Structures are given as C-alpha cells and as structure tokens.
C-alpha cells in the first residue's frame, strides 16, 4: 500500500502548494472574505456558498465565511447556507476523484488499488464526515473517496453529517459572538467534537 499512500500524500501536497500559491497573490479574500458580503443579501448568500465551494482549490478561510453567514442570516439561515456550501465542496472534490480515478489506478498496482478501494468503500463515508472541518485533509479525503466505488449518495450524506455541526456552530458564533479569540476557541471545539465522533465510530466497528 506504500505507493497508494504516496499518491494520497501527493494529492495533499499538491493542494497545499495551490493554497500557498494563491496566498502569495495577497488577495484580501484569502485572509478575510467578509467585505465581499456587503452587497444585497441574495448576492451575499451566493458569494458565501461559492467561496465554500472554491475552498476545494483555494485557501478560502471557510470558518470566516460560515461566521459571516451567521452574522448576516442568523443561526438557521447561516447554518443552511454553510451546510449547502460544504456539501457542494465535498462533492466537487468527489467529482475530481471520479474524473481522475483512471490516473490514480495507473499510479498504483491493481492489488493496491483493490485494497484501497475496499478500505474506502468501508471507511470512506466516515472519513469524509470526520474530515470536513479540517483544511487540506477534507479535500484530500473527498478526492480519494471519489476514486473509490463509494456512491455519490453516500458521499453526500457523509458530507452533510460531517458539515452540520461546524455549520451550526459557526453560524451561532456569527450571530452572537464577534471576538476573534472566541472564533479560535469555537474552531478548537469543532475539531474536538470531530475527534470524539471519529473515536466512537471506529470503536463501535
């Protein structure tokens, strides 16, 4: 499985390099995209969801986008917008994996691919769910899952399950809290919840 894991690491490294390259352009939206939300509410909603989808390839601070959703649209509206953007982002990564599955198969042996495919078929949905709040890892897992036999419906459900809590928490933060320190604390809490869900899920299997 060494070559398969090397392929996974290469995907993660490629995404990381893309993030660094985009960050080097000094575009303000990669640091704080909230000024883009000053337009009409429908436009702001479209921009927010689009930024979350673009996070597959660009270093968009998705947590700030989700907080802005909560500030502008309240807890319920912000949660729904962030959830939609996060699920769409996961499915874009999944589509990239589907499209590039032939290339991935050529990089590893048939036996390695079959073992990896079996592992992703069993654990892919769980991996998608628990990785959604984690930058780079979320996109890497979605792409790898797309190259496996995992179904689109299962990928979408897993993305929804993994995105619901972060979307709701960040929306609540935007609606009630404006402190950067509290934003960081909330992010840490989201990661902690994700780790607990992962541990419980693995333990039960």
Protein backbone atom coordinates (compact mmCIF):
# COMPACT_ATOMS: atom_id res chain seq x y z
CA UNK A 1 0.00 0.00 0.00
CA UNK A 2 3.07 2.28 0.06
CA UNK A 3 2.51 3.65 -3.44
CA UNK A 4 -1.17 4.27 -2.72
CA UNK A 5 -0.36 6.25 0.42
CA UNK A 6 2.30 8.11 -1.55
CA UNK A 7 -0.39 9.06 -4.05
CA UNK A 8 -2.59 10.32 -1.23
CA UNK A 9 0.31 12.37 0.16
CA UNK A 10 0.99 13.76 -3.32
CA UNK A 11 -2.62 14.93 -3.64
CA UNK A 12 -2.43 16.63 -0.24
CA UNK A 13 0.90 18.25 -1.13
CA UNK A 14 -0.47 19.48 -4.46
CA UNK A 15 -3.46 21.07 -2.71
CA UNK A 16 -1.15 22.62 -0.13
CA UNK A 17 1.07 24.10 -2.85
CA UNK A 18 -2.00 25.52 -4.58
CA UNK A 19 -3.03 27.13 -1.30
CA UNK A 20 0.41 28.68 -0.85
CA UNK A 21 0.48 29.90 -4.45
CA UNK A 22 -2.93 31.52 -4.09
CA UNK A 23 -1.97 33.05 -0.75
CA UNK A 24 1.14 34.57 -2.34
CA UNK A 25 -1.10 36.71 -4.58
CA UNK A 26 -2.02 38.77 -1.50
CA UNK A 27 -5.70 38.84 -2.43
CA UNK A 28 -7.65 40.07 0.55
CA UNK A 29 -10.36 37.40 0.23
CA UNK A 30 -7.83 34.72 1.23
CA UNK A 31 -7.36 36.48 4.58
CA UNK A 32 -10.77 37.97 5.29
CA UNK A 33 -13.52 37.49 2.70
CA UNK A 34 -16.21 39.20 4.79
CA UNK A 35 -16.03 42.55 2.90
CA UNK A 36 -17.48 40.69 -0.10
CA UNK A 37 -20.71 40.20 1.86
CA UNK A 38 -21.64 43.89 1.84
CA UNK A 39 -23.94 43.56 -1.17
CA UNK A 40 -27.59 42.57 -1.27
CA UNK A 41 -28.49 39.54 0.82
CA UNK A 42 -29.15 37.18 -2.15
CA UNK A 43 -25.80 38.20 -3.64
CA UNK A 44 -24.06 37.73 -0.28
CA UNK A 45 -25.59 34.27 0.05
CA UNK A 46 -24.40 33.31 -3.43
CA UNK A 47 -20.91 34.65 -2.76
CA UNK A 48 -20.68 32.77 0.54
CA UNK A 49 -21.70 29.42 -0.91
CA UNK A 50 -19.40 29.96 -3.92
CA UNK A 51 -16.45 30.69 -1.64
CA UNK A 52 -17.05 27.48 0.31
CA UNK A 53 -17.09 25.52 -2.96
CA UNK A 54 -13.91 27.27 -4.14
CA UNK A 55 -12.25 26.15 -0.91
CA UNK A 56 -11.57 22.83 -2.66
CA UNK A 57 -8.76 24.52 -4.59
CA UNK A 58 -8.18 27.92 -2.96
CA UNK A 59 -7.14 28.95 0.58
CA UNK A 60 -10.52 30.45 1.45
CA UNK A 61 -10.94 30.81 5.24
CA UNK A 62 -14.14 28.78 5.31
CA UNK A 63 -14.67 29.31 9.04
CA UNK A 64 -14.88 33.09 8.49
CA UNK A 65 -17.33 32.57 5.64
CA UNK A 66 -19.52 30.43 7.89
CA UNK A 67 -19.33 33.00 10.67
CA UNK A 68 -20.33 35.70 8.17
CA UNK A 69 -23.31 33.58 7.16
CA UNK A 70 -24.43 33.53 10.77
CA UNK A 71 -23.94 37.28 11.13
CA UNK A 72 -25.97 38.10 8.03
CA UNK A 73 -28.62 35.38 8.00
CA UNK A 74 -28.94 34.24 11.60
CA UNK A 75 -28.37 30.80 13.04
CA UNK A 76 -30.87 28.89 10.88
CA UNK A 77 -30.15 30.67 7.60
CA UNK A 78 -26.40 30.70 8.18
CA UNK A 79 -26.38 27.00 9.02
CA UNK A 80 -28.29 26.08 5.85
CA UNK A 81 -26.06 28.20 3.59
CA UNK A 82 -22.84 26.86 5.12
CA UNK A 83 -24.17 23.31 5.01
CA UNK A 84 -25.05 23.67 1.33
CA UNK A 85 -21.64 25.11 0.50
CA UNK A 86 -19.75 22.48 2.46
CA UNK A 87 -21.67 19.58 0.89
CA UNK A 88 -21.17 21.05 -2.58
CA UNK A 89 -17.46 21.48 -1.86
CA UNK A 90 -17.15 17.82 -0.84
CA UNK A 91 -18.99 16.68 -3.97
CA UNK A 92 -16.73 18.80 -6.20
CA UNK A 93 -13.73 17.06 -4.64
CA UNK A 94 -15.50 13.73 -5.05
CA UNK A 95 -16.11 14.54 -8.75
CA UNK A 96 -12.43 15.34 -9.21
CA UNK A 97 -11.61 11.94 -7.74
CA UNK A 98 -14.08 10.23 -10.09
CA UNK A 99 -12.62 12.07 -13.08
CA UNK A 100 -9.02 11.25 -12.12
CA UNK A 101 -9.60 7.65 -10.98
CA UNK A 102 -8.01 6.31 -14.17
CA UNK A 103 -4.83 8.28 -13.45
CA UNK A 104 -4.76 7.09 -9.85
CA UNK A 105 -5.15 3.47 -10.98
CA UNK A 106 -2.13 3.85 -13.25
CA UNK A 107 -0.01 5.11 -10.36
CA UNK A 108 -0.57 2.02 -8.20
CA UNK A 109 -0.74 -1.71 -8.77
CA UNK A 110 -4.08 -3.43 -9.32
CA UNK A 111 -3.79 -5.19 -5.96
CA UNK A 112 -3.05 -1.92 -4.16
CA UNK A 113 -5.98 -0.24 -5.85
CA UNK A 114 -8.38 -3.06 -4.95
CA UNK A 115 -7.28 -2.98 -1.30
CA UNK A 116 -7.58 0.79 -1.17
CA UNK A 117 -10.96 0.68 -2.90
CA UNK A 118 -12.22 -1.88 -0.38
CA UNK A 119 -10.96 0.26 2.51
CA UNK A 120 -12.57 3.42 1.12
CA UNK A 121 -15.81 1.59 0.41
CA UNK A 122 -15.95 0.62 4.08
CA UNK A 123 -14.50 3.73 5.71
CA UNK A 124 -14.82 6.40 3.01
CA UNK A 125 -18.11 7.82 4.28
CA UNK A 126 -16.78 8.02 7.84
CA UNK A 127 -13.54 9.62 6.60
CA UNK A 128 -15.47 12.24 4.63
CA UNK A 129 -17.67 13.05 7.62
CA UNK A 130 -14.92 13.46 10.22
CA UNK A 131 -12.52 15.32 7.91
CA UNK A 132 -14.93 18.08 6.81
CA UNK A 133 -13.76 20.66 9.41
CA UNK A 134 -10.05 20.08 8.67
CA UNK A 135 -8.41 22.10 5.85
CA UNK A 136 -6.44 20.14 3.21
CA UNK A 137 -7.46 16.81 4.75
CA UNK A 138 -11.11 17.37 3.84
CA UNK A 139 -10.30 17.96 0.18
CA UNK A 140 -7.79 15.10 0.02
CA UNK A 141 -10.23 12.62 1.52
CA UNK A 142 -13.04 13.73 -0.80
CA UNK A 143 -10.84 13.28 -3.88
CA UNK A 144 -9.61 9.86 -2.78
CA UNK A 145 -13.14 8.75 -1.93
CA UNK A 146 -14.21 9.81 -5.42
CA UNK A 147 -11.68 7.42 -6.92
CA UNK A 148 -13.26 4.54 -4.97
CA UNK A 149 -16.54 2.64 -5.52
CA UNK A 150 -18.23 4.79 -2.84
CA UNK A 151 -21.59 6.02 -4.15
CA UNK A 152 -22.45 9.68 -4.71
CA UNK A 153 -25.43 9.45 -2.36
CA UNK A 154 -23.29 8.06 0.45
CA UNK A 155 -20.66 10.73 -0.13
CA UNK A 156 -23.31 13.47 0.01
CA UNK A 157 -24.85 12.05 3.20
CA UNK A 158 -21.42 11.75 4.82
CA UNK A 159 -20.55 15.33 3.86
CA UNK A 160 -23.86 16.50 5.33
CA UNK A 161 -23.26 14.60 8.56
CA UNK A 162 -19.75 15.99 8.90
CA UNK A 163 -20.72 19.57 7.99
CA UNK A 164 -23.86 20.03 10.08
CA UNK A 165 -22.21 20.65 13.45
CA UNK A 166 -19.48 23.01 12.16
CA UNK A 167 -22.04 24.92 10.07
CA UNK A 168 -24.38 25.35 13.05
CA UNK A 169 -21.61 26.26 15.49
CA UNK A 170 -20.07 28.86 13.19
CA UNK A 171 -23.49 30.29 12.34
CA UNK A 172 -24.24 30.64 16.04
CA UNK A 173 -20.84 32.28 16.52
CA UNK A 174 -21.55 34.80 13.79
CA UNK A 175 -24.98 35.56 15.17
CA UNK A 176 -23.88 36.01 18.80
CA UNK A 177 -20.11 36.37 19.08
CA UNK A 178 -17.70 38.73 17.32
CA UNK A 179 -14.45 38.01 19.19
CA UNK A 180 -11.57 36.52 17.20
CA UNK A 181 -10.42 34.67 20.32
CA UNK A 182 -13.83 33.07 20.63
CA UNK A 183 -13.73 32.11 16.96
CA UNK A 184 -10.47 30.25 17.60
CA UNK A 185 -12.00 28.58 20.67
CA UNK A 186 -15.04 27.51 18.65
CA UNK A 187 -12.79 26.06 15.93
CA UNK A 188 -10.93 24.03 18.54
CA UNK A 189 -14.25 22.81 19.91
CA UNK A 190 -15.39 21.71 16.47
CA UNK A 191 -12.19 19.73 15.99
CA UNK A 192 -12.64 18.13 19.42
CA UNK A 193 -16.18 17.05 18.59
CA UNK A 194 -14.94 15.66 15.28
CA UNK A 195 -12.28 13.63 17.07
CA UNK A 196 -14.81 12.23 19.53
CA UNK A 197 -17.18 11.24 16.71
CA UNK A 198 -14.31 9.52 14.90
CA UNK A 199 -13.25 7.64 18.03
CA UNK A 200 -16.79 6.49 18.81
CA UNK A 201 -17.41 5.47 15.21
CA UNK A 202 -14.22 3.43 14.97
CA UNK A 203 -14.71 1.93 18.42
CA UNK A 204 -18.14 0.58 17.53
CA UNK A 205 -16.77 -1.16 14.47
